[in-house]
Amino acid sequence: MRTVLRGREFTVSAEEVKEVAGKLSPQPVRRHAIVVNGHHFPPKQLLEAVLEAKGIRMDRLAYTSKDAYYLFTRLGFAHVRLGEKTEGIEALKRLTGTIAVGGDALRDSESYYE
């Protein structure tokens, strides 16, 4: 895929990204991650490594995580956001199969276990 990043034009393929990612050790992920071969990479770390492999020297401050996100999602890689609150979803999963007789599934489930 041909792309332009901050005025620099280059081509990159999903296979090239997988090859570069295979040589990287993922840095700790703060919030966003790109999933390559089952590993979670910070978007800017992965983009920096891809640019280096292409012979393009560009400081991480010259581009954003969003730039990296757009590039990698267009190439078909998954993006995940870490640290999102899932307590509500987990509570709903625990209530799967509970029938709300009185209209309040949570209260009904609590009384079921008493």
PDB file of N, CA and C in Angstrom:
ATOM      1  N   MET A   1       0.847  -1.170   0.000  1.00  0.00           N
ATOM      2  CA  MET A   1       0.000   0.000   0.000  1.00  0.00           C
ATOM      3  C   MET A   1       0.897   1.239   0.000  1.00  0.00           C
ATOM      4  N   ARG A   2       0.562   2.180  -0.852  1.00  0.00           N
ATOM      5  CA  ARG A   2       1.311   3.432  -0.910  1.00  0.00           C
ATOM      6  C   ARG A   2       0.676   4.408   0.073  1.00  0.00           C
ATOM      7  N   THR A   3       1.508   5.070   0.862  1.00  0.00           N
ATOM      8  CA  THR A   3       0.999   6.025   1.845  1.00  0.00           C
ATOM      9  C   THR A   3       1.952   7.205   1.977  1.00  0.00           C
ATOM     10  N   VAL A   4       1.431   8.287   2.526  1.00  0.00           N
ATOM     11  CA  VAL A   4       2.235   9.481   2.785  1.00  0.00           C
ATOM     12  C   VAL A   4       2.094   9.806   4.263  1.00  0.00           C
ATOM     13  N   LEU A   5       3.212   9.933   4.935  1.00  0.00           N
ATOM     14  CA  LEU A   5       3.215  10.259   6.354  1.00  0.00           C
ATOM     15  C   LEU A   5       4.043  11.521   6.549  1.00  0.00           C
ATOM     16  N   ARG A   6       3.363  12.605   6.901  1.00  0.00           N
ATOM     17  CA  ARG A   6       4.034  13.881   7.149  1.00  0.00           C
ATOM     18  C   ARG A   6       4.960  14.280   6.002  1.00  0.00           C
ATOM     19  N   GLY A   7       4.458  14.094   4.785  1.00  0.00           N
ATOM     20  CA  GLY A   7       5.202  14.507   3.613  1.00  0.00           C
ATOM     21  C   GLY A   7       6.167  13.474   3.054  1.00  0.00           C
ATOM     22  N   ARG A   8       6.303  12.344   3.730  1.00  0.00           N
ATOM     23  CA  ARG A   8       7.206  11.297   3.247  1.00  0.00           C
ATOM     24  C   ARG A   8       6.369  10.169   2.644  1.00  0.00           C
ATOM     25  N   GLU A   9       6.626   9.861   1.400  1.00  0.00           N
ATOM     26  CA  GLU A   9       5.875   8.825   0.700  1.00  0.00           C
ATOM     27  C   GLU A   9       6.640   7.508   0.760  1.00  0.00           C
ATOM     28  N   PHE A  10       5.915   6.429   1.020  1.00  0.00           N
ATOM     29  CA  PHE A  10       6.523   5.100   1.028  1.00  0.00           C
ATOM     30  C   PHE A  10       5.440   4.057   0.804  1.00  0.00           C
ATOM     31  N   THR A  11       5.868   2.855   0.498  1.00  0.00           N
ATOM     32  CA  THR A  11       4.932   1.737   0.363  1.00  0.00           C
ATOM     33  C   THR A  11       5.226   0.731   1.463  1.00  0.00           C
ATOM     34  N   VAL A  12       4.180   0.080   1.914  1.00  0.00           N
ATOM     35  CA  VAL A  12       4.315  -0.924   2.964  1.00  0.00           C
ATOM     36  C   VAL A  12       3.208  -1.949   2.789  1.00  0.00           C
ATOM     37  N   SER A  13       3.509  -3.183   3.130  1.00  0.00           N
ATOM     38  CA  SER A  13       2.510  -4.251   3.043  1.00  0.00           C
ATOM     39  C   SER A  13       2.322  -4.878   4.421  1.00  0.00           C
ATOM     40  N   ALA A  14       1.243  -5.607   4.565  1.00  0.00           N
ATOM     41  CA  ALA A  14       0.968  -6.295   5.828  1.00  0.00           C
ATOM     42  C   ALA A  14       2.079  -7.310   6.136  1.00  0.00           C
ATOM     43  N   GLU A  15       2.588  -7.954   5.105  1.00  0.00           N
ATOM     44  CA  GLU A  15       3.667  -8.927   5.304  1.00  0.00           C
ATOM     45  C   GLU A  15       4.927  -8.259   5.835  1.00  0.00           C
ATOM     46  N   GLU A  16       5.225  -7.073   5.332  1.00  0.00           N
ATOM     47  CA  GLU A  16       6.398  -6.342   5.820  1.00  0.00           C
ATOM     48  C   GLU A  16       6.219  -5.966   7.291  1.00  0.00           C
ATOM     49  N   VAL A  17       5.013  -5.554   7.662  1.00  0.00           N
ATOM     50  CA  VAL A  17       4.742  -5.196   9.056  1.00  0.00           C
ATOM     51  C   VAL A  17       4.905  -6.424   9.946  1.00  0.00           C
ATOM     52  N   LYS A  18       4.403  -7.568   9.500  1.00  0.00           N
ATOM     53  CA  LYS A  18       4.543  -8.802  10.290  1.00  0.00           C
ATOM     54  C   LYS A  18       6.008  -9.176  10.466  1.00  0.00           C
ATOM     55  N   GLU A  19       6.782  -9.002   9.409  1.00  0.00           N
ATOM     56  CA  GLU A  19       8.218  -9.312   9.469  1.00  0.00           C
ATOM     57  C   GLU A  19       8.928  -8.396  10.464  1.00  0.00           C
ATOM     58  N   VAL A  20       8.633  -7.099  10.406  1.00  0.00           N
ATOM     59  CA  VAL A  20       9.251  -6.135  11.325  1.00  0.00           C
ATOM     60  C   VAL A  20       8.819  -6.432  12.760  1.00  0.00           C
ATOM     61  N   ALA A  21       7.534  -6.698  12.951  1.00  0.00           N
ATOM     62  CA  ALA A  21       7.014  -6.969  14.299  1.00  0.00           C
ATOM     63  C   ALA A  21       7.629  -8.234  14.885  1.00  0.00           C
ATOM     64  N   GLY A  22       7.929  -9.199  14.038  1.00  0.00           N
ATOM     65  CA  GLY A  22       8.543 -10.437  14.508  1.00  0.00           C
ATOM     66  C   GLY A  22       9.919 -10.234  15.108  1.00  0.00           C
ATOM     67  N   LYS A  23      10.563  -9.132  14.751  1.00  0.00           N
ATOM     68  CA  LYS A  23      11.906  -8.829  15.266  1.00  0.00           C
ATOM     69  C   LYS A  23      11.871  -7.897  16.473  1.00  0.00           C
ATOM     70  N   LEU A  24      10.666  -7.399  16.810  1.00  0.00           N
ATOM     71  CA  LEU A  24      10.532  -6.426  17.905  1.00  0.00           C
ATOM     72  C   LEU A  24      10.126  -7.091  19.207  1.00  0.00           C
ATOM     73  N   SER A  25      10.559  -6.489  20.276  1.00  0.00           N
ATOM     74  CA  SER A  25      10.063  -6.846  21.598  1.00  0.00           C
ATOM     75  C   SER A  25       9.066  -5.752  21.988  1.00  0.00           C
ATOM     76  N   PRO A  26       7.783  -6.095  22.186  1.00  0.00           N
ATOM     77  CA  PRO A  26       6.783  -5.052  22.457  1.00  0.00           C
ATOM     78  C   PRO A  26       7.091  -4.253  23.715  1.00  0.00           C
ATOM     79  N   GLN A  27       6.996  -2.946  23.594  1.00  0.00           N
ATOM     80  CA  GLN A  27       7.122  -2.076  24.763  1.00  0.00           C
ATOM     81  C   GLN A  27       5.799  -2.100  25.521  1.00  0.00           C
ATOM     82  N   PRO A  28       5.796  -1.654  26.776  1.00  0.00           N
ATOM     83  CA  PRO A  28       4.534  -1.629  27.526  1.00  0.00           C
ATOM     84  C   PRO A  28       3.499  -0.752  26.815  1.00  0.00           C
ATOM     85  N   VAL A  29       2.280  -1.232  26.793  1.00  0.00           N
ATOM     86  CA  VAL A  29       1.187  -0.513  26.144  1.00  0.00           C
ATOM     87  C   VAL A  29       0.486   0.342  27.185  1.00  0.00           C
ATOM     88  N   ARG A  30       0.303   1.611  26.871  1.00  0.00           N
ATOM     89  CA  ARG A  30      -0.395   2.514  27.792  1.00  0.00           C
ATOM     90  C   ARG A  30      -1.896   2.457  27.582  1.00  0.00           C
ATOM     91  N   ARG A  31      -2.326   2.709  26.366  1.00  0.00           N
ATOM     92  CA  ARG A  31      -3.765   2.766  26.114  1.00  0.00           C
ATOM     93  C   ARG A  31      -4.170   2.067  24.819  1.00  0.00           C
ATOM     94  N   HIS A  32      -3.459   2.339  23.739  1.00  0.00           N
ATOM     95  CA  HIS A  32      -3.807   1.766  22.443  1.00  0.00           C
ATOM     96  C   HIS A  32      -2.743   0.768  22.014  1.00  0.00           C
ATOM     97  N   ALA A  33      -3.181  -0.264  21.296  1.00  0.00           N
ATOM     98  CA  ALA A  33      -2.241  -1.270  20.812  1.00  0.00           C
ATOM     99  C   ALA A  33      -2.678  -1.764  19.440  1.00  0.00           C
ATOM    100  N   ILE A  34      -1.697  -2.131  18.648  1.00  0.00           N
ATOM    101  CA  ILE A  34      -1.923  -2.780  17.371  1.00  0.00           C
ATOM    102  C   ILE A  34      -1.528  -4.238  17.571  1.00  0.00           C
ATOM    103  N   VAL A  35      -2.394  -5.144  17.163  1.00  0.00           N
ATOM    104  CA  VAL A  35      -2.149  -6.567  17.363  1.00  0.00           C
ATOM    105  C   VAL A  35      -1.554  -7.160  16.083  1.00  0.00           C
ATOM    106  N   VAL A  36      -0.336  -7.690  16.233  1.00  0.00           N
ATOM    107  CA  VAL A  36       0.363  -8.329  15.112  1.00  0.00           C
ATOM    108  C   VAL A  36       0.881  -9.673  15.608  1.00  0.00           C
ATOM    109  N   ASN A  37       0.495 -10.722  14.942  1.00  0.00           N
ATOM    110  CA  ASN A  37       0.919 -12.080  15.317  1.00  0.00           C
ATOM    111  C   ASN A  37       0.643 -12.387  16.790  1.00  0.00           C
ATOM    112  N   GLY A  38      -0.467 -11.894  17.309  1.00  0.00           N
ATOM    113  CA  GLY A  38      -0.849 -12.163  18.688  1.00  0.00           C
ATOM    114  C   GLY A  38      -0.153 -11.307  19.728  1.00  0.00           C
ATOM    115  N   HIS A  39       0.703 -10.392  19.312  1.00  0.00           N
ATOM    116  CA  HIS A  39       1.411  -9.506  20.240  1.00  0.00           C
ATOM    117  C   HIS A  39       0.835  -8.100  20.145  1.00  0.00           C
ATOM    118  N   HIS A  40       0.794  -7.414  21.276  1.00  0.00           N
ATOM    119  CA  HIS A  40       0.269  -6.043  21.338  1.00  0.00           C
ATOM    120  C   HIS A  40       1.428  -5.046  21.330  1.00  0.00           C
ATOM    121  N   PHE A  41       1.426  -4.192  20.323  1.00  0.00           N
ATOM    122  CA  PHE A  41       2.482  -3.185  20.173  1.00  0.00           C
ATOM    123  C   PHE A  41       1.901  -1.786  20.306  1.00  0.00           C
ATOM    124  N   PRO A  42       2.602  -0.879  20.989  1.00  0.00           N
ATOM    125  CA  PRO A  42       2.194   0.526  20.928  1.00  0.00           C
ATOM    126  C   PRO A  42       2.284   0.978  19.469  1.00  0.00           C
ATOM    127  N   PRO A  43       1.281   1.679  18.981  1.00  0.00           N
ATOM    128  CA  PRO A  43       1.265   2.061  17.566  1.00  0.00           C
ATOM    129  C   PRO A  43       2.519   2.810  17.115  1.00  0.00           C
ATOM    130  N   LYS A  44       3.005   3.731  17.933  1.00  0.00           N
ATOM    131  CA  LYS A  44       4.171   4.521  17.527  1.00  0.00           C
ATOM    132  C   LYS A  44       5.446   3.682  17.494  1.00  0.00           C
ATOM    133  N   GLN A  45       5.569   2.720  18.397  1.00  0.00           N
ATOM    134  CA  GLN A  45       6.743   1.842  18.372  1.00  0.00           C
ATOM    135  C   GLN A  45       6.771   1.042  17.075  1.00  0.00           C
ATOM    136  N   LEU A  46       5.623   0.491  16.720  1.00  0.00           N
ATOM    137  CA  LEU A  46       5.553  -0.317  15.507  1.00  0.00           C
ATOM    138  C   LEU A  46       5.801   0.527  14.261  1.00  0.00           C
ATOM    139  N   LEU A  47       5.218   1.711  14.220  1.00  0.00           N
ATOM    140  CA  LEU A  47       5.424   2.586  13.067  1.00  0.00           C
ATOM    141  C   LEU A  47       6.885   3.011  12.961  1.00  0.00           C
ATOM    142  N   GLU A  48       7.497   3.323  14.076  1.00  0.00           N
ATOM    143  CA  GLU A  48       8.909   3.701  14.061  1.00  0.00           C
ATOM    144  C   GLU A  48       9.767   2.580  13.487  1.00  0.00           C
ATOM    145  N   ALA A  49       9.476   1.342  13.884  1.00  0.00           N
ATOM    146  CA  ALA A  49      10.244   0.202  13.391  1.00  0.00           C
ATOM    147  C   ALA A  49      10.020  -0.019  11.894  1.00  0.00           C
ATOM    148  N   VAL A  50       8.786   0.165  11.439  1.00  0.00           N
ATOM    149  CA  VAL A  50       8.485   0.020  10.008  1.00  0.00           C
ATOM    150  C   VAL A  50       9.221   1.096   9.213  1.00  0.00           C
ATOM    151  N   LEU A  51       9.193   2.322   9.707  1.00  0.00           N
ATOM    152  CA  LEU A  51       9.889   3.406   9.014  1.00  0.00           C
ATOM    153  C   LEU A  51      11.388   3.147   8.948  1.00  0.00           C
ATOM    154  N   GLU A  52      11.971   2.667  10.049  1.00  0.00           N
ATOM    155  CA  GLU A  52      13.398   2.338  10.060  1.00  0.00           C
ATOM    156  C   GLU A  52      13.726   1.271   9.024  1.00  0.00           C
ATOM    157  N   ALA A  53      12.858   0.260   8.927  1.00  0.00           N
ATOM    158  CA  ALA A  53      13.071  -0.811   7.951  1.00  0.00           C
ATOM    159  C   ALA A  53      13.016  -0.280   6.523  1.00  0.00           C
ATOM    160  N   LYS A  54      12.266   0.800   6.333  1.00  0.00           N
ATOM    161  CA  LYS A  54      12.162   1.435   5.020  1.00  0.00           C
ATOM    162  C   LYS A  54      13.276   2.459   4.779  1.00  0.00           C
ATOM    163  N   GLY A  55      14.129   2.671   5.775  1.00  0.00           N
ATOM    164  CA  GLY A  55      15.211   3.639   5.644  1.00  0.00           C
ATOM    165  C   GLY A  55      14.767   5.074   5.861  1.00  0.00           C
ATOM    166  N   ILE A  56      13.643   5.244   6.514  1.00  0.00           N
ATOM    167  CA  ILE A  56      13.105   6.586   6.778  1.00  0.00           C
ATOM    168  C   ILE A  56      13.370   6.931   8.234  1.00  0.00           C
ATOM    169  N   ARG A  57      14.124   7.982   8.465  1.00  0.00           N
ATOM    170  CA  ARG A  57      14.400   8.433   9.835  1.00  0.00           C
ATOM    171  C   ARG A  57      13.419   9.534  10.181  1.00  0.00           C
ATOM    172  N   MET A  58      12.595   9.255  11.161  1.00  0.00           N
ATOM    173  CA  MET A  58      11.609  10.232  11.595  1.00  0.00           C
ATOM    174  C   MET A  58      11.398  10.056  13.100  1.00  0.00           C
ATOM    175  N   ASP A  59      11.526  11.125  13.838  1.00  0.00           N
ATOM    176  CA  ASP A  59      11.341  11.088  15.277  1.00  0.00           C
ATOM    177  C   ASP A  59       9.894  10.759  15.616  1.00  0.00           C
ATOM    178  N   ARG A  60       9.676  10.045  16.711  1.00  0.00           N
ATOM    179  CA  ARG A  60       8.310   9.699  17.127  1.00  0.00           C
ATOM    180  C   ARG A  60       7.434  10.922  17.367  1.00  0.00           C
ATOM    181  N   LEU A  61       8.040  12.037  17.672  1.00  0.00           N
ATOM    182  CA  LEU A  61       7.260  13.256  17.908  1.00  0.00           C
ATOM    183  C   LEU A  61       6.709  13.850  16.611  1.00  0.00           C
ATOM    184  N   ALA A  62       7.205  13.377  15.477  1.00  0.00           N
ATOM    185  CA  ALA A  62       6.784  13.925  14.183  1.00  0.00           C
ATOM    186  C   ALA A  62       5.436  13.368  13.723  1.00  0.00           C
ATOM    187  N   TYR A  63       4.977  12.295  14.339  1.00  0.00           N
ATOM    188  CA  TYR A  63       3.686  11.705  13.965  1.00  0.00           C
ATOM    189  C   TYR A  63       2.929  11.309  15.226  1.00  0.00           C
ATOM    190  N   THR A  64       1.651  11.034  15.055  1.00  0.00           N
ATOM    191  CA  THR A  64       0.792  10.715  16.196  1.00  0.00           C
ATOM    192  C   THR A  64       0.442   9.235  16.211  1.00  0.00           C
ATOM    193  N   SER A  65      -0.086   8.803  17.344  1.00  0.00           N
ATOM    194  CA  SER A  65      -0.595   7.431  17.437  1.00  0.00           C
ATOM    195  C   SER A  65      -1.722   7.221  16.441  1.00  0.00           C
ATOM    196  N   LYS A  66      -2.488   8.278  16.201  1.00  0.00           N
ATOM    197  CA  LYS A  66      -3.595   8.192  15.248  1.00  0.00           C
ATOM    198  C   LYS A  66      -3.074   7.942  13.834  1.00  0.00           C
ATOM    199  N   ASP A  67      -1.949   8.569  13.468  1.00  0.00           N
ATOM    200  CA  ASP A  67      -1.333   8.302  12.163  1.00  0.00           C
ATOM    201  C   ASP A  67      -1.013   6.808  12.037  1.00  0.00           C
ATOM    202  N   ALA A  68      -0.405   6.262  13.080  1.00  0.00           N
ATOM    203  CA  ALA A  68      -0.033   4.847  13.081  1.00  0.00           C
ATOM    204  C   ALA A  68      -1.289   3.972  13.045  1.00  0.00           C
ATOM    205  N   TYR A  69      -2.276   4.333  13.835  1.00  0.00           N
ATOM    206  CA  TYR A  69      -3.539   3.583  13.879  1.00  0.00           C
ATOM    207  C   TYR A  69      -4.153   3.486  12.486  1.00  0.00           C
ATOM    208  N   TYR A  70      -4.258   4.610  11.776  1.00  0.00           N
ATOM    209  CA  TYR A  70      -4.850   4.614  10.443  1.00  0.00           C
ATOM    210  C   TYR A  70      -4.080   3.710   9.486  1.00  0.00           C
ATOM    211  N   LEU A  71      -2.770   3.800   9.518  1.00  0.00           N
ATOM    212  CA  LEU A  71      -1.955   2.999   8.620  1.00  0.00           C
ATOM    213  C   LEU A  71      -2.172   1.510   8.882  1.00  0.00           C
ATOM    214  N   PHE A  72      -2.052   1.100  10.141  1.00  0.00           N
ATOM    215  CA  PHE A  72      -2.113  -0.326  10.451  1.00  0.00           C
ATOM    216  C   PHE A  72      -3.519  -0.907  10.307  1.00  0.00           C
ATOM    217  N   THR A  73      -4.540  -0.136  10.610  1.00  0.00           N
ATOM    218  CA  THR A  73      -5.900  -0.663  10.415  1.00  0.00           C
ATOM    219  C   THR A  73      -6.221  -0.782   8.925  1.00  0.00           C
ATOM    220  N   ARG A  74      -5.696   0.122   8.100  1.00  0.00           N
ATOM    221  CA  ARG A  74      -5.895   0.001   6.652  1.00  0.00           C
ATOM    222  C   ARG A  74      -5.186  -1.234   6.101  1.00  0.00           C
ATOM    223  N   LEU A  75      -4.127  -1.649   6.763  1.00  0.00           N
ATOM    224  CA  LEU A  75      -3.420  -2.862   6.357  1.00  0.00           C
ATOM    225  C   LEU A  75      -4.077  -4.125   6.918  1.00  0.00           C
ATOM    226  N   GLY A  76      -5.130  -3.952   7.730  1.00  0.00           N
ATOM    227  CA  GLY A  76      -5.877  -5.100   8.232  1.00  0.00           C
ATOM    228  C   GLY A  76      -5.530  -5.565   9.626  1.00  0.00           C
ATOM    229  N   PHE A  77      -4.740  -4.796  10.358  1.00  0.00           N
ATOM    230  CA  PHE A  77      -4.376  -5.198  11.719  1.00  0.00           C
ATOM    231  C   PHE A  77      -5.402  -4.676  12.718  1.00  0.00           C
ATOM    232  N   ALA A  78      -5.621  -5.449  13.760  1.00  0.00           N
ATOM    233  CA  ALA A  78      -6.586  -5.072  14.791  1.00  0.00           C
ATOM    234  C   ALA A  78      -6.005  -4.002  15.703  1.00  0.00           C
ATOM    235  N   HIS A  79      -6.886  -3.153  16.183  1.00  0.00           N
ATOM    236  CA  HIS A  79      -6.538  -2.110  17.146  1.00  0.00           C
ATOM    237  C   HIS A  79      -7.337  -2.403  18.404  1.00  0.00           C
ATOM    238  N   VAL A  80      -6.685  -2.359  19.551  1.00  0.00           N
ATOM    239  CA  VAL A  80      -7.389  -2.538  20.814  1.00  0.00           C
ATOM    240  C   VAL A  80      -7.083  -1.366  21.726  1.00  0.00           C
ATOM    241  N   ARG A  81      -8.045  -1.051  22.554  1.00  0.00           N
ATOM    242  CA  ARG A  81      -7.882   0.005  23.546  1.00  0.00           C
ATOM    243  C   ARG A  81      -7.863  -0.676  24.906  1.00  0.00           C
ATOM    244  N   LEU A  82      -6.775  -0.499  25.613  1.00  0.00           N
ATOM    245  CA  LEU A  82      -6.618  -1.131  26.920  1.00  0.00           C
ATOM    246  C   LEU A  82      -7.103  -0.205  28.023  1.00  0.00           C
ATOM    247  N   GLY A  83      -7.497  -0.792  29.133  1.00  0.00           N
ATOM    248  CA  GLY A  83      -7.876  -0.015  30.298  1.00  0.00           C
ATOM    249  C   GLY A  83      -9.296   0.502  30.284  1.00  0.00           C
ATOM    250  N   GLU A  84     -10.102   0.070  29.334  1.00  0.00           N
ATOM    251  CA  GLU A  84     -11.494   0.502  29.343  1.00  0.00           C
ATOM    252  C   GLU A  84     -12.221  -0.197  30.484  1.00  0.00           C
ATOM    253  N   LYS A  85     -13.157   0.493  31.051  1.00  0.00           N
ATOM    254  CA  LYS A  85     -13.919  -0.090  32.141  1.00  0.00           C
ATOM    255  C   LYS A  85     -14.881  -1.128  31.588  1.00  0.00           C
ATOM    256  N   THR A  86     -14.811  -2.324  32.149  1.00  0.00           N
ATOM    257  CA  THR A  86     -15.683  -3.399  31.684  1.00  0.00           C
ATOM    258  C   THR A  86     -16.486  -4.001  32.823  1.00  0.00           C
ATOM    259  N   GLU A  87     -16.530  -3.312  33.985  1.00  0.00           N
ATOM    260  CA  GLU A  87     -17.246  -3.874  35.123  1.00  0.00           C
ATOM    261  C   GLU A  87     -18.710  -4.137  34.784  1.00  0.00           C
ATOM    262  N   GLY A  88     -19.331  -3.218  34.067  1.00  0.00           N
ATOM    263  CA  GLY A  88     -20.737  -3.392  33.708  1.00  0.00           C
ATOM    264  C   GLY A  88     -20.945  -4.587  32.807  1.00  0.00           C
ATOM    265  N   ILE A  89     -20.061  -4.761  31.857  1.00  0.00           N
ATOM    266  CA  ILE A  89     -20.160  -5.899  30.945  1.00  0.00           C
ATOM    267  C   ILE A  89     -19.936  -7.196  31.701  1.00  0.00           C
ATOM    268  N   GLU A  90     -18.948  -7.206  32.599  1.00  0.00           N
ATOM    269  CA  GLU A  90     -18.678  -8.404  33.387  1.00  0.00           C
ATOM    270  C   GLU A  90     -19.863  -8.745  34.285  1.00  0.00           C
ATOM    271  N   ALA A  91     -20.499  -7.732  34.856  1.00  0.00           N
ATOM    272  CA  ALA A  91     -21.681  -7.975  35.691  1.00  0.00           C
ATOM    273  C   ALA A  91     -22.796  -8.585  34.861  1.00  0.00           C
ATOM    274  N   LEU A  92     -22.979  -8.097  33.651  1.00  0.00           N
ATOM    275  CA  LEU A  92     -24.011  -8.659  32.778  1.00  0.00           C
ATOM    276  C   LEU A  92     -23.692 -10.098  32.390  1.00  0.00           C
ATOM    277  N   LYS A  93     -22.422 -10.399  32.164  1.00  0.00           N
ATOM    278  CA  LYS A  93     -22.037 -11.765  31.822  1.00  0.00           C
ATOM    279  C   LYS A  93     -22.358 -12.715  32.969  1.00  0.00           C
ATOM    280  N   ARG A  94     -22.170 -12.259  34.222  1.00  0.00           N
ATOM    281  CA  ARG A  94     -22.468 -13.104  35.377  1.00  0.00           C
ATOM    282  C   ARG A  94     -23.957 -13.378  35.487  1.00  0.00           C
ATOM    283  N   LEU A  95     -24.770 -12.475  34.955  1.00  0.00           N
ATOM    284  CA  LEU A  95     -26.220 -12.635  35.057  1.00  0.00           C
ATOM    285  C   LEU A  95     -26.814 -13.408  33.876  1.00  0.00           C
ATOM    286  N   THR A  96     -25.977 -13.841  32.960  1.00  0.00           N
ATOM    287  CA  THR A  96     -26.474 -14.582  31.819  1.00  0.00           C
ATOM    288  C   THR A  96     -27.238 -15.806  32.300  1.00  0.00           C
ATOM    289  N   GLY A  97     -28.434 -15.965  31.811  1.00  0.00           N
ATOM    290  CA  GLY A  97     -29.265 -17.100  32.198  1.00  0.00           C
ATOM    291  C   GLY A  97     -30.182 -16.808  33.364  1.00  0.00           C
ATOM    292  N   THR A  98     -30.043 -15.667  34.009  1.00  0.00           N
ATOM    293  CA  THR A  98     -30.907 -15.314  35.132  1.00  0.00           C
ATOM    294  C   THR A  98     -32.216 -14.748  34.596  1.00  0.00           C
ATOM    295  N   ILE A  99     -33.306 -15.234  35.114  1.00  0.00           N
ATOM    296  CA  ILE A  99     -34.614 -14.741  34.687  1.00  0.00           C
ATOM    297  C   ILE A  99     -35.085 -13.697  35.678  1.00  0.00           C
ATOM    298  N   ALA A 100     -35.512 -12.556  35.175  1.00  0.00           N
ATOM    299  CA  ALA A 100     -36.001 -11.486  36.032  1.00  0.00           C
ATOM    300  C   ALA A 100     -37.500 -11.675  36.240  1.00  0.00           C
ATOM    301  N   VAL A 101     -37.868 -12.276  37.365  1.00  0.00           N
ATOM    302  CA  VAL A 101     -39.275 -12.525  37.656  1.00  0.00           C
ATOM    303  C   VAL A 101     -39.970 -11.233  38.057  1.00  0.00           C
ATOM    304  N   GLY A 102     -39.313 -10.473  38.912  1.00  0.00           N
ATOM    305  CA  GLY A 102     -39.934  -9.250  39.404  1.00  0.00           C
ATOM    306  C   GLY A 102     -39.518  -8.017  38.620  1.00  0.00           C
ATOM    307  N   GLY A 103     -38.794  -8.171  37.539  1.00  0.00           N
ATOM    308  CA  GLY A 103     -38.384  -7.037  36.738  1.00  0.00           C
ATOM    309  C   GLY A 103     -37.005  -6.514  37.086  1.00  0.00           C
ATOM    310  N   ASP A 104     -36.351  -7.098  38.099  1.00  0.00           N
ATOM    311  CA  ASP A 104     -35.017  -6.655  38.495  1.00  0.00           C
ATOM    312  C   ASP A 104     -34.097  -7.873  38.512  1.00  0.00           C
ATOM    313  N   ALA A 105     -33.373  -8.091  37.421  1.00  0.00           N
ATOM    314  CA  ALA A 105     -32.547  -9.285  37.294  1.00  0.00           C
ATOM    315  C   ALA A 105     -31.456  -9.338  38.353  1.00  0.00           C
ATOM    316  N   LEU A 106     -30.888  -8.197  38.707  1.00  0.00           N
ATOM    317  CA  LEU A 106     -29.826  -8.179  39.698  1.00  0.00           C
ATOM    318  C   LEU A 106     -30.350  -8.615  41.058  1.00  0.00           C
ATOM    319  N   ARG A 107     -31.469  -8.042  41.492  1.00  0.00           N
ATOM    320  CA  ARG A 107     -32.050  -8.412  42.788  1.00  0.00           C
ATOM    321  C   ARG A 107     -32.501  -9.868  42.756  1.00  0.00           C
ATOM    322  N   ASP A 108     -33.102 -10.298  41.645  1.00  0.00           N
ATOM    323  CA  ASP A 108     -33.542 -11.678  41.541  1.00  0.00           C
ATOM    324  C   ASP A 108     -32.360 -12.634  41.618  1.00  0.00           C
ATOM    325  N   SER A 109     -31.239 -12.282  40.989  1.00  0.00           N
ATOM    326  CA  SER A 109     -30.080 -13.159  41.031  1.00  0.00           C
ATOM    327  C   SER A 109     -29.475 -13.230  42.429  1.00  0.00           C
ATOM    328  N   GLU A 110     -29.502 -12.096  43.147  1.00  0.00           N
ATOM    329  CA  GLU A 110     -28.988 -12.088  44.518  1.00  0.00           C
ATOM    330  C   GLU A 110     -29.846 -12.965  45.415  1.00  0.00           C
ATOM    331  N   SER A 111     -31.149 -12.912  45.259  1.00  0.00           N
ATOM    332  CA  SER A 111     -32.028 -13.724  46.099  1.00  0.00           C
ATOM    333  C   SER A 111     -31.910 -15.199  45.711  1.00  0.00           C
ATOM    334  N   TYR A 112     -31.549 -15.488  44.489  1.00  0.00           N
ATOM    335  CA  TYR A 112     -31.381 -16.860  44.038  1.00  0.00           C
ATOM    336  C   TYR A 112     -30.262 -17.543  44.802  1.00  0.00           C
ATOM    337  N   TYR A 113     -29.204 -16.791  45.120  1.00  0.00           N
ATOM    338  CA  TYR A 113     -28.054 -17.370  45.789  1.00  0.00           C
ATOM    339  C   TYR A 113     -28.155 -17.323  47.310  1.00  0.00           C
ATOM    340  N   GLU A 114     -29.228 -16.794  47.855  1.00  0.00           N
ATOM    341  CA  GLU A 114     -29.379 -16.748  49.327  1.00  0.00           C
ATOM    342  C   GLU A 114     -29.829 -18.063  49.879  1.00  0.00           C
TER     343      GLU A 114
END
